[in-house]
Amino acid sequence: MAKKKDKDAPRHPWRDNIEAITMAIVMAVMLKYFIVEAYKIPTGSMQPTLMGNDETAIKDRILVDKFSYHVRDPERWEVTVFKYPLDLSKNFIKRCVGVGPEQFKIENGDLWHRPDAASDWTILRRPRSVQQEVWKQLYAGRDGLPGWKALGGASEWSVGDDTIEARGDGSLRYPPSGSVMDDYRDGYPLTVRKAIRTNALSSRHPVGDLRVEGELTARSGCERVTLELREGSRRYRFELPGPAAPEDATYAVDAGEAVASDQSPLGEGRSVRGASPWHLPAGDGVAVAVQNMDDLLQLELDGEIVLQLEIPPASDQTSCVFVHVEGEGVDLEDLAVSRDIYYLSDTVKRYEWDIPAEHYLMLGDNTQDSSDAREWMLECIRYPRGEGGTVYRGNLRAQNNNPRVVTGEPGGPVQWFRDEWGELHHWPLADAERLTPEPVSFVSRELITGRAVVVFWPLKPSFRLWRLKWVH
């Protein structure tokens, strides 16, 4: 009779170690491919939301949620990670702006959509959390940038980069002349901005969507403070009555006035007022913000939106900001001017799309420096020439990057080509036939792998930079 095995016999240490290592590997693989994964941002295509810059060596590290898209579809405005349709061996990260089925276009720097050709176009308005992510601060008066210009009685005011001590009637203008433009470096922290070279597409377009914010403290004799945004011939006036204003005064937003009398105003009904009397308190600071974004004017007091007014689109995007003070005066602290993203469309081939179901349109937040849906093209090469040849497709890149021709070979020039799967091929140039490139504007559902949720690095003491934030 065989001897019964002792159930209490000790396990071999090597077996415990193998089991522990195996479980660790399985958990790591499960975590990486199904739950969460860390990525590094290599370029500035998503600046200011995400930063990647070679000149400063700032490369945001982000955590990507890969679980959510197993139970739901991507949503508009999410910052998504996906397999690059032109090179499936690479992951890209962009903002999801178009969700099929719908028609989509870029016009005057803004995004528009409609369900079908029989419907009217509607501007796409971003949620508040996304707005806060994409505003690009302009740093008036710093890093060699123009500052505020005094008009009228403001010549006696004390005006700093982000502080104003206004005494008596007067006005300020920013920028001093011309319009706010889409400077490539806008939105980077000031210490980082100084170290970055500009871009060839920088400052080519006036930007009409602006935001002004700061803390306003009124003196007892202040009658009124008006923050004014101009867009083309239009005046958008945000009026705040001071302590010395009439008792029945309240805050108001007025978009019915043109810059000059010979220009066409928006007309009657383009104004809103508070429902009850309100005045700036004497001696107490109030956080004030006014903005024009996506054809919607908003007035914020202490972080709360108190008035908003829809306006029609403006084809003339030239813009500037005014501060008007009437009466004894006010103090403004932490004054900041920001601009919106200006989505470029005139330097690329496509700016209108018909997005099919289960497909998505991706754009970078920094469209001056983003390889995204506006320009994606598949190069098509048949080798060998003729009907019997195989057609290879891959990312079309300029400057002889892909395909790339190497001269000086014994048998003549050789063409190297990386296909859409990331594999590298080569053949004699004379035997290859270049076909018509194919536009590839959309990302299909199966290529989307996750969404960015948090930036957890880097720490850059030399730039006084600590990148720790949620991604919206």
Protein backbone atom coordinates (compact mmCIF):
# COMPACT_ATOMS: atom_id res chain seq x y z
CA MET A 1 0.00 0.00 0.00
CA ALA A 2 1.40 3.37 -1.02
CA LYS A 3 2.31 5.80 1.74
CA LYS A 4 -0.21 8.64 2.15
CA LYS A 5 1.22 12.11 1.34
CA ASP A 6 1.54 14.40 4.33
CA LYS A 7 -0.84 17.33 3.74
CA ASP A 8 1.13 19.49 6.14
CA ALA A 9 4.46 19.07 4.33
CA PRO A 10 6.14 22.44 3.69
CA ARG A 11 5.96 23.96 0.19
CA HIS A 12 9.18 24.48 -1.74
CA PRO A 13 10.38 28.11 -1.59
CA TRP A 14 11.04 28.19 -5.32
CA ARG A 15 7.40 27.32 -5.99
CA ASP A 16 6.18 30.21 -3.80
CA ASN A 17 8.49 32.60 -5.60
CA ILE A 18 7.35 31.48 -9.04
CA GLU A 19 3.69 31.87 -8.07
CA ALA A 20 4.31 35.33 -6.63
CA ILE A 21 6.23 36.47 -9.71
CA THR A 22 3.60 35.02 -12.04
CA MET A 23 0.79 36.78 -10.22
CA ALA A 24 2.73 40.06 -10.23
CA ILE A 25 3.24 39.82 -13.99
CA VAL A 26 -0.42 38.97 -14.60
CA MET A 27 -1.57 41.88 -12.43
CA ALA A 28 0.85 44.28 -14.13
CA VAL A 29 -0.37 43.22 -17.58
CA MET A 30 -4.00 43.48 -16.50
CA LEU A 31 -3.36 46.92 -15.00
CA LYS A 32 -1.56 48.21 -18.08
CA TYR A 33 -3.89 46.92 -20.75
CA PHE A 34 -7.25 47.19 -19.03
CA ILE A 35 -7.12 49.68 -16.15
CA VAL A 36 -4.50 52.45 -16.19
CA GLU A 37 -1.23 53.27 -17.91
CA ALA A 38 1.32 56.08 -17.77
CA TYR A 39 2.26 58.06 -20.91
CA LYS A 40 4.75 60.81 -21.70
CA ILE A 41 3.71 63.77 -23.87
CA PRO A 42 6.37 64.25 -26.61
CA THR A 43 5.10 67.38 -28.42
CA GLY A 44 3.25 70.65 -27.86
CA SER A 45 0.15 69.64 -29.84
CA MET A 46 -2.06 69.73 -26.71
CA GLN A 47 -0.58 72.83 -25.08
CA PRO A 48 -1.68 74.39 -22.74
CA THR A 49 -3.69 71.36 -21.54
CA LEU A 50 -0.67 69.07 -21.85
CA MET A 51 2.91 70.19 -22.36
CA GLY A 52 5.68 68.58 -24.38
CA ASN A 53 8.61 70.72 -25.44
CA ASP A 54 12.15 69.80 -26.55
CA GLU A 55 13.66 73.23 -25.88
CA THR A 56 12.81 73.09 -22.18
CA ALA A 57 12.76 69.27 -21.81
CA ILE A 58 9.32 69.57 -20.22
CA LYS A 59 7.40 66.38 -20.98
CA ASP A 60 4.17 65.92 -19.06
CA ARG A 61 3.61 62.46 -17.61
CA ILE A 62 -0.04 61.50 -17.52
CA LEU A 63 -2.14 58.64 -16.23
CA VAL A 64 -4.60 57.22 -18.74
CA ASP A 65 -7.87 55.57 -17.73
CA LYS A 66 -8.25 52.52 -19.98
CA PHE A 67 -11.21 51.00 -18.15
CA SER A 68 -13.97 53.53 -18.89
CA TYR A 69 -14.03 52.88 -22.62
CA HIS A 70 -14.64 49.19 -21.98
CA VAL A 71 -18.06 50.11 -20.59
CA ARG A 72 -18.96 53.27 -22.54
CA ASP A 73 -18.11 55.21 -25.69
CA PRO A 74 -15.86 58.29 -25.80
CA GLU A 75 -17.58 61.63 -25.28
CA ARG A 76 -17.04 64.99 -26.93
CA TRP A 77 -14.27 67.15 -25.37
CA GLU A 78 -12.51 64.25 -23.64
CA VAL A 79 -8.74 64.08 -24.07
CA THR A 80 -8.35 60.64 -25.63
CA VAL A 81 -5.56 58.19 -26.39
CA PHE A 82 -5.86 56.20 -29.60
CA LYS A 83 -3.92 54.19 -32.13
CA TYR A 84 -2.68 56.58 -34.81
CA PRO A 85 -4.64 55.66 -37.97
CA LEU A 86 -1.61 56.35 -40.20
CA ASP A 87 0.82 54.31 -38.08
CA LEU A 88 -0.91 51.80 -35.81
CA SER A 89 2.33 51.12 -33.93
CA LYS A 90 2.04 54.56 -32.30
CA ASN A 91 -0.33 56.05 -29.73
CA PHE A 92 -1.59 59.61 -30.18
CA ILE A 93 -3.37 61.88 -27.72
CA LYS A 94 -5.82 64.60 -28.86
CA ARG A 95 -9.11 66.16 -27.84
CA CYS A 96 -12.22 64.43 -29.20
CA VAL A 97 -14.24 67.24 -30.82
CA GLY A 98 -16.40 65.43 -33.37
CA VAL A 99 -18.68 62.45 -32.63
CA GLY A 100 -20.33 60.69 -35.55
CA PRO A 101 -22.78 60.63 -37.11
CA GLU A 102 -22.68 64.39 -37.69
CA GLN A 103 -21.32 67.06 -40.00
CA PHE A 104 -18.52 69.20 -38.61
CA LYS A 105 -16.62 72.31 -39.69
CA ILE A 106 -14.08 74.93 -38.60
CA GLU A 107 -15.04 78.54 -39.30
CA ASN A 108 -13.52 81.78 -37.99
CA GLY A 109 -11.46 79.77 -35.51
CA ASP A 110 -14.52 78.09 -33.93
CA LEU A 111 -16.03 74.60 -34.15
CA TRP A 112 -19.50 73.96 -35.59
CA HIS A 113 -21.70 70.89 -36.12
CA ARG A 114 -25.10 69.76 -37.36
CA PRO A 115 -26.79 66.35 -37.57
CA ASP A 116 -27.23 66.44 -41.36
CA ALA A 117 -27.17 68.71 -44.40
CA ALA A 118 -30.83 69.68 -43.93
CA SER A 119 -30.16 71.20 -40.49
CA ASP A 120 -28.64 74.52 -39.45
CA TRP A 121 -25.08 74.77 -38.21
CA THR A 122 -24.70 75.17 -34.43
CA ILE A 123 -21.57 76.40 -32.67
CA LEU A 124 -20.04 73.88 -30.28
CA ARG A 125 -19.83 75.34 -26.77
CA ARG A 126 -17.33 73.81 -24.40
CA PRO A 127 -18.21 72.92 -20.79
CA ARG A 128 -16.85 75.25 -18.12
CA SER A 129 -14.17 72.77 -17.02
CA VAL A 130 -12.84 72.57 -20.60
CA GLN A 131 -12.94 76.35 -20.99
CA GLN A 132 -10.74 76.76 -17.93
CA GLU A 133 -8.29 74.27 -19.43
CA VAL A 134 -7.87 75.91 -22.82
CA TRP A 135 -7.70 79.65 -22.05
CA LYS A 136 -4.23 80.96 -23.00
CA GLN A 137 -2.95 83.77 -20.75
CA LEU A 138 -1.31 86.68 -22.61
CA TYR A 139 0.93 88.19 -19.86
CA ALA A 140 0.42 91.85 -20.75
CA GLY A 141 3.55 93.91 -20.15
CA ARG A 142 5.83 90.96 -19.37
CA ASP A 143 8.50 89.09 -21.34
CA GLY A 144 8.76 92.00 -23.76
CA LEU A 145 5.05 91.92 -24.55
CA PRO A 146 3.07 95.16 -24.92
CA GLY A 147 1.24 96.36 -21.83
CA TRP A 148 -1.84 98.46 -21.15
CA LYS A 149 -2.15 101.85 -22.85
CA ALA A 150 -3.58 104.78 -20.89
CA LEU A 151 -6.36 106.80 -22.55
CA GLY A 152 -7.74 110.13 -21.33
CA GLY A 153 -7.51 110.63 -17.56
CA ALA A 154 -5.83 107.25 -17.06
CA SER A 155 -2.45 108.88 -17.74
CA GLU A 156 -2.39 109.66 -14.00
CA TRP A 157 -3.21 106.11 -12.96
CA SER A 158 -0.63 103.70 -11.56
CA VAL A 159 -0.52 100.79 -14.01
CA GLY A 160 1.58 97.66 -13.50
CA ASP A 161 1.69 94.34 -15.30
CA ASP A 162 -1.28 92.89 -13.40
CA THR A 163 -2.30 95.72 -11.04
CA ILE A 164 -4.09 99.02 -11.65
CA GLU A 165 -4.67 101.87 -9.21
CA ALA A 166 -7.29 104.00 -10.97
CA ARG A 167 -7.95 107.45 -9.52
CA GLY A 168 -10.60 109.47 -11.32
CA ASP A 169 -12.19 108.98 -14.73
CA GLY A 170 -10.16 107.23 -17.42
CA SER A 171 -9.67 104.21 -19.66
CA LEU A 172 -7.04 101.61 -20.56
CA ARG A 173 -6.63 99.58 -23.75
CA TYR A 174 -4.94 96.24 -24.42
CA PRO A 175 -3.13 95.68 -26.67
CA PRO A 176 -2.01 99.30 -27.19
CA SER A 177 -2.77 99.01 -30.93
CA GLY A 178 -3.97 96.41 -33.36
CA SER A 179 -5.58 93.15 -32.28
CA VAL A 180 -4.95 90.21 -30.00
CA MET A 181 -3.29 87.60 -32.24
CA ASP A 182 -2.76 83.84 -32.00
CA ASP A 183 0.85 83.90 -30.80
CA TYR A 184 2.26 80.37 -30.69
CA ARG A 185 3.69 80.78 -27.18
CA ASP A 186 0.48 82.03 -25.57
CA GLY A 187 -0.67 79.84 -22.70
CA TYR A 188 2.72 78.55 -21.61
CA PRO A 189 3.74 79.58 -18.09
CA LEU A 190 5.73 82.81 -18.29
CA THR A 191 9.01 81.22 -17.22
CA VAL A 192 8.61 78.55 -19.91
CA ARG A 193 7.44 80.98 -22.60
CA LYS A 194 10.74 82.84 -22.48
CA ALA A 195 12.66 79.68 -23.44
CA ILE A 196 10.50 78.66 -26.42
CA ARG A 197 11.06 79.70 -30.00
CA THR A 198 8.09 80.95 -31.97
CA ASN A 199 6.35 79.01 -34.74
CA ALA A 200 6.06 79.76 -38.46
CA LEU A 201 2.27 79.95 -38.13
CA SER A 202 2.40 82.28 -35.11
CA SER A 203 0.43 85.54 -34.93
CA ARG A 204 -1.29 85.23 -38.30
CA HIS A 205 -4.89 85.40 -37.06
CA PRO A 206 -6.76 87.87 -34.85
CA VAL A 207 -8.64 86.14 -32.04
CA GLY A 208 -12.06 87.46 -31.03
CA ASP A 209 -12.72 85.15 -28.05
CA LEU A 210 -11.17 86.79 -24.97
CA ARG A 211 -11.40 86.66 -21.17
CA VAL A 212 -10.50 89.33 -18.59
CA GLU A 213 -10.38 88.59 -14.88
CA GLY A 214 -9.10 90.09 -11.67
CA GLU A 215 -10.04 91.27 -8.18
CA LEU A 216 -11.74 94.66 -8.17
CA THR A 217 -11.91 96.92 -5.06
CA ALA A 218 -14.00 100.06 -5.49
CA ARG A 219 -13.54 103.32 -3.60
CA SER A 220 -16.61 104.89 -2.05
CA GLY A 221 -16.91 107.56 -4.74
CA CYS A 222 -16.71 105.13 -7.66
CA GLU A 223 -19.72 105.45 -9.95
CA ARG A 224 -19.17 102.70 -12.52
CA VAL A 225 -16.58 100.24 -13.86
CA THR A 226 -16.99 98.89 -17.40
CA LEU A 227 -14.96 96.07 -18.89
CA GLU A 228 -15.29 96.14 -22.67
CA LEU A 229 -14.41 93.46 -25.20
CA ARG A 230 -14.31 94.42 -28.86
CA GLU A 231 -14.76 92.01 -31.74
CA GLY A 232 -14.56 93.62 -35.15
CA SER A 233 -16.99 96.55 -35.14
CA ARG A 234 -18.83 95.30 -32.04
CA ARG A 235 -18.61 96.51 -28.44
CA TYR A 236 -19.43 94.04 -25.67
CA ARG A 237 -19.79 96.09 -22.47
CA PHE A 238 -19.91 94.52 -18.99
CA GLU A 239 -21.07 97.25 -16.61
CA LEU A 240 -20.61 97.15 -12.82
CA PRO A 241 -22.18 100.00 -10.80
CA GLY A 242 -20.00 101.41 -8.03
CA PRO A 243 -20.95 102.45 -4.49
CA ALA A 244 -21.85 105.97 -5.74
CA ALA A 245 -24.19 104.73 -8.50
CA PRO A 246 -27.99 105.28 -8.27
CA GLU A 247 -29.74 102.98 -5.80
CA ASP A 248 -31.60 101.02 -8.50
CA ALA A 249 -28.45 100.32 -10.56
CA THR A 250 -27.34 96.75 -11.24
CA TYR A 251 -24.80 94.86 -13.35
CA ALA A 252 -25.49 94.53 -17.08
CA VAL A 253 -24.13 93.08 -20.33
CA ASP A 254 -24.71 95.09 -23.49
CA ALA A 255 -23.81 93.93 -27.00
CA GLY A 256 -26.00 96.32 -28.98
CA GLU A 257 -23.51 99.10 -29.68
CA ALA A 258 -21.06 99.41 -32.59
CA VAL A 259 -17.58 100.93 -32.33
CA ALA A 260 -18.49 103.85 -34.62
CA SER A 261 -21.81 105.39 -35.58
CA ASP A 262 -21.45 104.48 -39.25
CA GLN A 263 -21.09 100.78 -38.42
CA SER A 264 -23.97 98.36 -37.89
CA PRO A 265 -24.69 97.48 -34.25
CA LEU A 266 -26.27 94.14 -33.33
CA GLY A 267 -29.50 95.99 -32.56
CA GLU A 268 -32.16 96.06 -29.87
CA GLY A 269 -32.53 93.20 -27.44
CA ARG A 270 -28.80 92.56 -27.27
CA SER A 271 -28.49 93.31 -23.56
CA VAL A 272 -29.32 91.73 -20.20
CA ARG A 273 -29.45 93.17 -16.68
CA GLY A 274 -29.47 91.82 -13.17
CA ALA A 275 -32.88 91.10 -11.65
CA SER A 276 -32.28 93.24 -8.53
CA PRO A 277 -30.10 96.23 -7.52
CA TRP A 278 -26.42 95.47 -7.01
CA HIS A 279 -23.34 97.65 -6.37
CA LEU A 280 -19.64 97.05 -5.95
CA PRO A 281 -19.00 97.24 -2.19
CA ALA A 282 -16.73 100.06 -1.05
CA GLY A 283 -13.36 98.77 0.13
CA ASP A 284 -14.09 95.04 -0.33
CA GLY A 285 -12.60 93.03 -3.18
CA VAL A 286 -14.84 91.25 -5.68
CA ALA A 287 -13.51 88.62 -8.10
CA VAL A 288 -14.72 89.71 -11.55
CA ALA A 289 -14.40 87.88 -14.87
CA VAL A 290 -15.89 88.66 -18.27
CA GLN A 291 -15.54 86.60 -21.41
CA ASN A 292 -16.59 86.04 -24.98
CA MET A 293 -16.25 82.38 -25.93
CA ASP A 294 -18.13 80.39 -28.58
CA ASP A 295 -20.52 83.30 -29.27
CA LEU A 296 -21.62 83.51 -25.63
CA LEU A 297 -20.91 86.50 -23.37
CA GLN A 298 -20.62 85.75 -19.66
CA LEU A 299 -20.20 87.89 -16.54
CA GLU A 300 -18.85 86.20 -13.39
CA LEU A 301 -18.84 87.63 -9.86
CA ASP A 302 -16.91 85.74 -7.16
CA GLY A 303 -16.77 82.68 -9.39
CA GLU A 304 -20.49 82.54 -10.17
CA ILE A 305 -21.94 83.26 -13.63
CA VAL A 306 -24.58 85.94 -13.03
CA LEU A 307 -25.36 87.00 -16.61
CA GLN A 308 -24.90 85.55 -20.06
CA LEU A 309 -25.92 86.64 -23.53
CA GLU A 310 -25.82 84.78 -26.84
CA ILE A 311 -24.49 86.71 -29.83
CA PRO A 312 -24.38 85.92 -33.57
CA PRO A 313 -21.06 84.80 -35.08
CA ALA A 314 -18.59 87.46 -36.17
CA SER A 315 -16.51 87.05 -39.32
CA ASP A 316 -14.27 89.96 -38.24
CA GLN A 317 -12.18 88.60 -35.36
CA THR A 318 -9.99 91.65 -34.67
CA SER A 319 -10.17 92.27 -30.95
CA CYS A 320 -8.99 94.28 -27.96
CA VAL A 321 -9.90 94.99 -24.33
CA PHE A 322 -10.82 98.23 -22.53
CA VAL A 323 -11.16 99.11 -18.85
CA HIS A 324 -13.31 102.22 -18.18
CA VAL A 325 -13.67 103.84 -14.75
CA GLU A 326 -16.03 106.65 -13.73
CA GLY A 327 -15.86 108.43 -10.39
CA GLU A 328 -13.34 108.30 -7.56
CA GLY A 329 -11.57 105.15 -8.69
CA VAL A 330 -10.87 101.44 -8.11
CA ASP A 331 -7.98 99.05 -7.53
CA LEU A 332 -7.56 96.02 -9.77
CA GLU A 333 -5.29 93.16 -8.69
CA ASP A 334 -4.25 89.90 -10.40
CA LEU A 335 -5.50 91.33 -13.68
CA ALA A 336 -5.16 88.78 -16.49
CA VAL A 337 -6.17 88.70 -20.16
CA SER A 338 -6.49 85.34 -21.93
CA ARG A 339 -7.47 84.23 -25.40
CA ASP A 340 -9.21 81.15 -26.70
CA ILE A 341 -7.79 78.54 -29.06
CA TYR A 342 -7.99 79.71 -32.67
CA TYR A 343 -8.61 76.53 -34.67
CA LEU A 344 -6.66 76.89 -37.89
CA SER A 345 -8.35 75.91 -41.14
CA ASP A 346 -6.82 78.05 -43.88
CA THR A 347 -3.39 76.37 -43.89
CA VAL A 348 -4.64 72.80 -44.31
CA LYS A 349 -6.62 71.00 -46.96
CA ARG A 350 -9.73 70.11 -44.98
CA TYR A 351 -11.93 72.12 -42.65
CA GLU A 352 -15.32 70.45 -43.17
CA TRP A 353 -16.16 66.79 -42.58
CA ASP A 354 -19.04 64.32 -42.65
CA ILE A 355 -18.29 62.03 -39.69
CA PRO A 356 -19.80 58.52 -39.93
CA ALA A 357 -21.23 56.62 -36.97
CA GLU A 358 -18.71 54.94 -34.65
CA HIS A 359 -16.02 57.40 -35.77
CA TYR A 360 -14.51 60.45 -34.08
CA LEU A 361 -12.70 63.61 -35.11
CA MET A 362 -9.59 64.56 -33.12
CA LEU A 363 -7.90 67.98 -32.90
CA GLY A 364 -5.01 69.26 -30.83
CA ASP A 365 -5.53 72.16 -28.42
CA ASN A 366 -2.54 73.86 -30.07
CA THR A 367 -3.59 73.68 -33.70
CA GLN A 368 -0.50 75.55 -34.92
CA ASP A 369 1.60 72.55 -33.91
CA SER A 370 -0.60 69.48 -34.17
CA SER A 371 -0.72 66.56 -36.55
CA ASP A 372 -4.45 65.91 -36.40
CA ALA A 373 -7.58 65.29 -38.48
CA ARG A 374 -7.06 68.42 -40.57
CA GLU A 375 -4.02 67.03 -42.37
CA TRP A 376 -3.83 63.24 -41.98
CA MET A 377 -3.06 61.66 -45.35
CA LEU A 378 -2.10 58.10 -46.30
CA GLU A 379 0.65 57.79 -48.90
CA CYS A 380 -0.07 54.91 -51.28
CA ILE A 381 2.79 53.17 -53.14
CA ARG A 382 2.48 50.15 -55.44
CA TYR A 383 5.44 47.81 -55.70
CA PRO A 384 6.25 46.49 -58.17
CA ARG A 385 4.62 48.73 -60.74
CA GLY A 386 1.55 47.53 -62.61
CA GLU A 387 -1.70 45.79 -61.83
CA GLY A 388 -0.01 42.83 -60.15
CA GLY A 389 1.86 44.95 -57.60
CA THR A 390 1.05 45.22 -53.91
CA VAL A 391 -0.26 48.55 -52.61
CA TYR A 392 1.46 49.73 -49.42
CA ARG A 393 -0.10 52.52 -47.38
CA GLY A 394 1.56 54.66 -44.73
CA ASN A 395 1.78 58.07 -43.14
CA LEU A 396 2.48 60.79 -45.68
CA ARG A 397 5.10 63.12 -44.22
CA ALA A 398 6.79 65.99 -46.02
CA GLN A 399 10.51 66.84 -46.30
CA ASN A 400 11.35 63.40 -47.78
CA ASN A 401 10.53 61.77 -44.43
CA ASN A 402 8.09 59.08 -45.52
CA PRO A 403 8.66 57.86 -48.14
CA ARG A 404 12.39 58.55 -48.00
CA VAL A 405 14.72 58.23 -50.98
CA VAL A 406 18.36 57.22 -50.49
CA THR A 407 20.65 58.04 -53.41
CA GLY A 408 24.10 56.72 -54.21
CA GLU A 409 23.19 53.03 -54.01
CA PRO A 410 24.95 50.70 -56.52
CA GLY A 411 21.68 49.77 -58.24
CA GLY A 412 20.31 53.31 -58.23
CA PRO A 413 18.14 55.27 -55.73
CA VAL A 414 16.28 53.23 -53.12
CA GLN A 415 12.93 54.21 -51.61
CA TRP A 416 12.28 53.45 -47.93
CA PHE A 417 8.69 53.44 -46.72
CA ARG A 418 7.07 52.81 -43.31
CA ASP A 419 3.57 51.38 -43.68
CA GLU A 420 0.47 51.90 -41.53
CA TRP A 421 1.48 48.97 -39.29
CA GLY A 422 4.84 50.50 -38.51
CA GLU A 423 6.83 48.08 -40.67
CA LEU A 424 9.69 49.42 -42.80
CA HIS A 425 10.02 48.43 -46.49
CA HIS A 426 12.49 49.33 -49.22
CA TRP A 427 12.74 48.78 -52.98
CA PRO A 428 14.37 50.30 -56.05
CA LEU A 429 12.81 53.70 -56.67
CA ALA A 430 12.38 52.99 -60.38
CA ASP A 431 10.21 49.94 -59.62
CA ALA A 432 7.79 51.77 -57.28
CA GLU A 433 4.62 53.55 -58.41
CA ARG A 434 3.28 56.43 -56.35
CA LEU A 435 -0.54 56.50 -56.26
CA THR A 436 -2.98 59.24 -55.20
CA PRO A 437 -2.81 59.89 -51.42
CA GLU A 438 -5.92 59.09 -49.37
CA PRO A 439 -7.30 61.39 -46.65
CA VAL A 440 -7.86 59.68 -43.30
CA SER A 441 -9.67 62.14 -41.04
CA PHE A 442 -11.38 59.94 -38.48
CA VAL A 443 -10.50 57.58 -35.65
CA SER A 444 -12.70 54.50 -35.51
CA ARG A 445 -14.09 53.30 -32.20
CA GLU A 446 -11.86 50.23 -32.00
CA LEU A 447 -8.70 52.38 -32.18
CA ILE A 448 -9.56 54.42 -29.06
CA THR A 449 -7.88 52.97 -25.97
CA GLY A 450 -8.27 55.43 -23.09
CA ARG A 451 -8.67 58.96 -21.75
CA ALA A 452 -6.18 61.19 -19.98
CA VAL A 453 -7.18 61.84 -16.36
CA VAL A 454 -4.26 63.41 -14.49
CA VAL A 455 -0.84 65.02 -15.03
CA PHE A 456 1.49 63.81 -12.26
CA TRP A 457 4.92 65.06 -13.47
CA PRO A 458 7.28 66.88 -14.13
CA LEU A 459 8.78 68.97 -11.37
CA LYS A 460 11.00 71.67 -12.92
CA PRO A 461 12.55 73.94 -10.25
CA SER A 462 14.47 75.88 -12.91
CA PHE A 463 11.14 77.01 -14.38
CA ARG A 464 9.32 77.19 -11.01
CA LEU A 465 6.99 74.58 -12.49
CA TRP A 466 5.04 71.82 -10.77
CA ARG A 467 2.72 69.93 -13.09
CA LEU A 468 0.06 68.21 -11.01
CA LYS A 469 -3.52 68.57 -12.19
CA TRP A 470 -6.64 66.85 -13.46
CA VAL A 471 -7.09 66.81 -17.22
CA HIS A 472 -10.38 68.21 -18.55
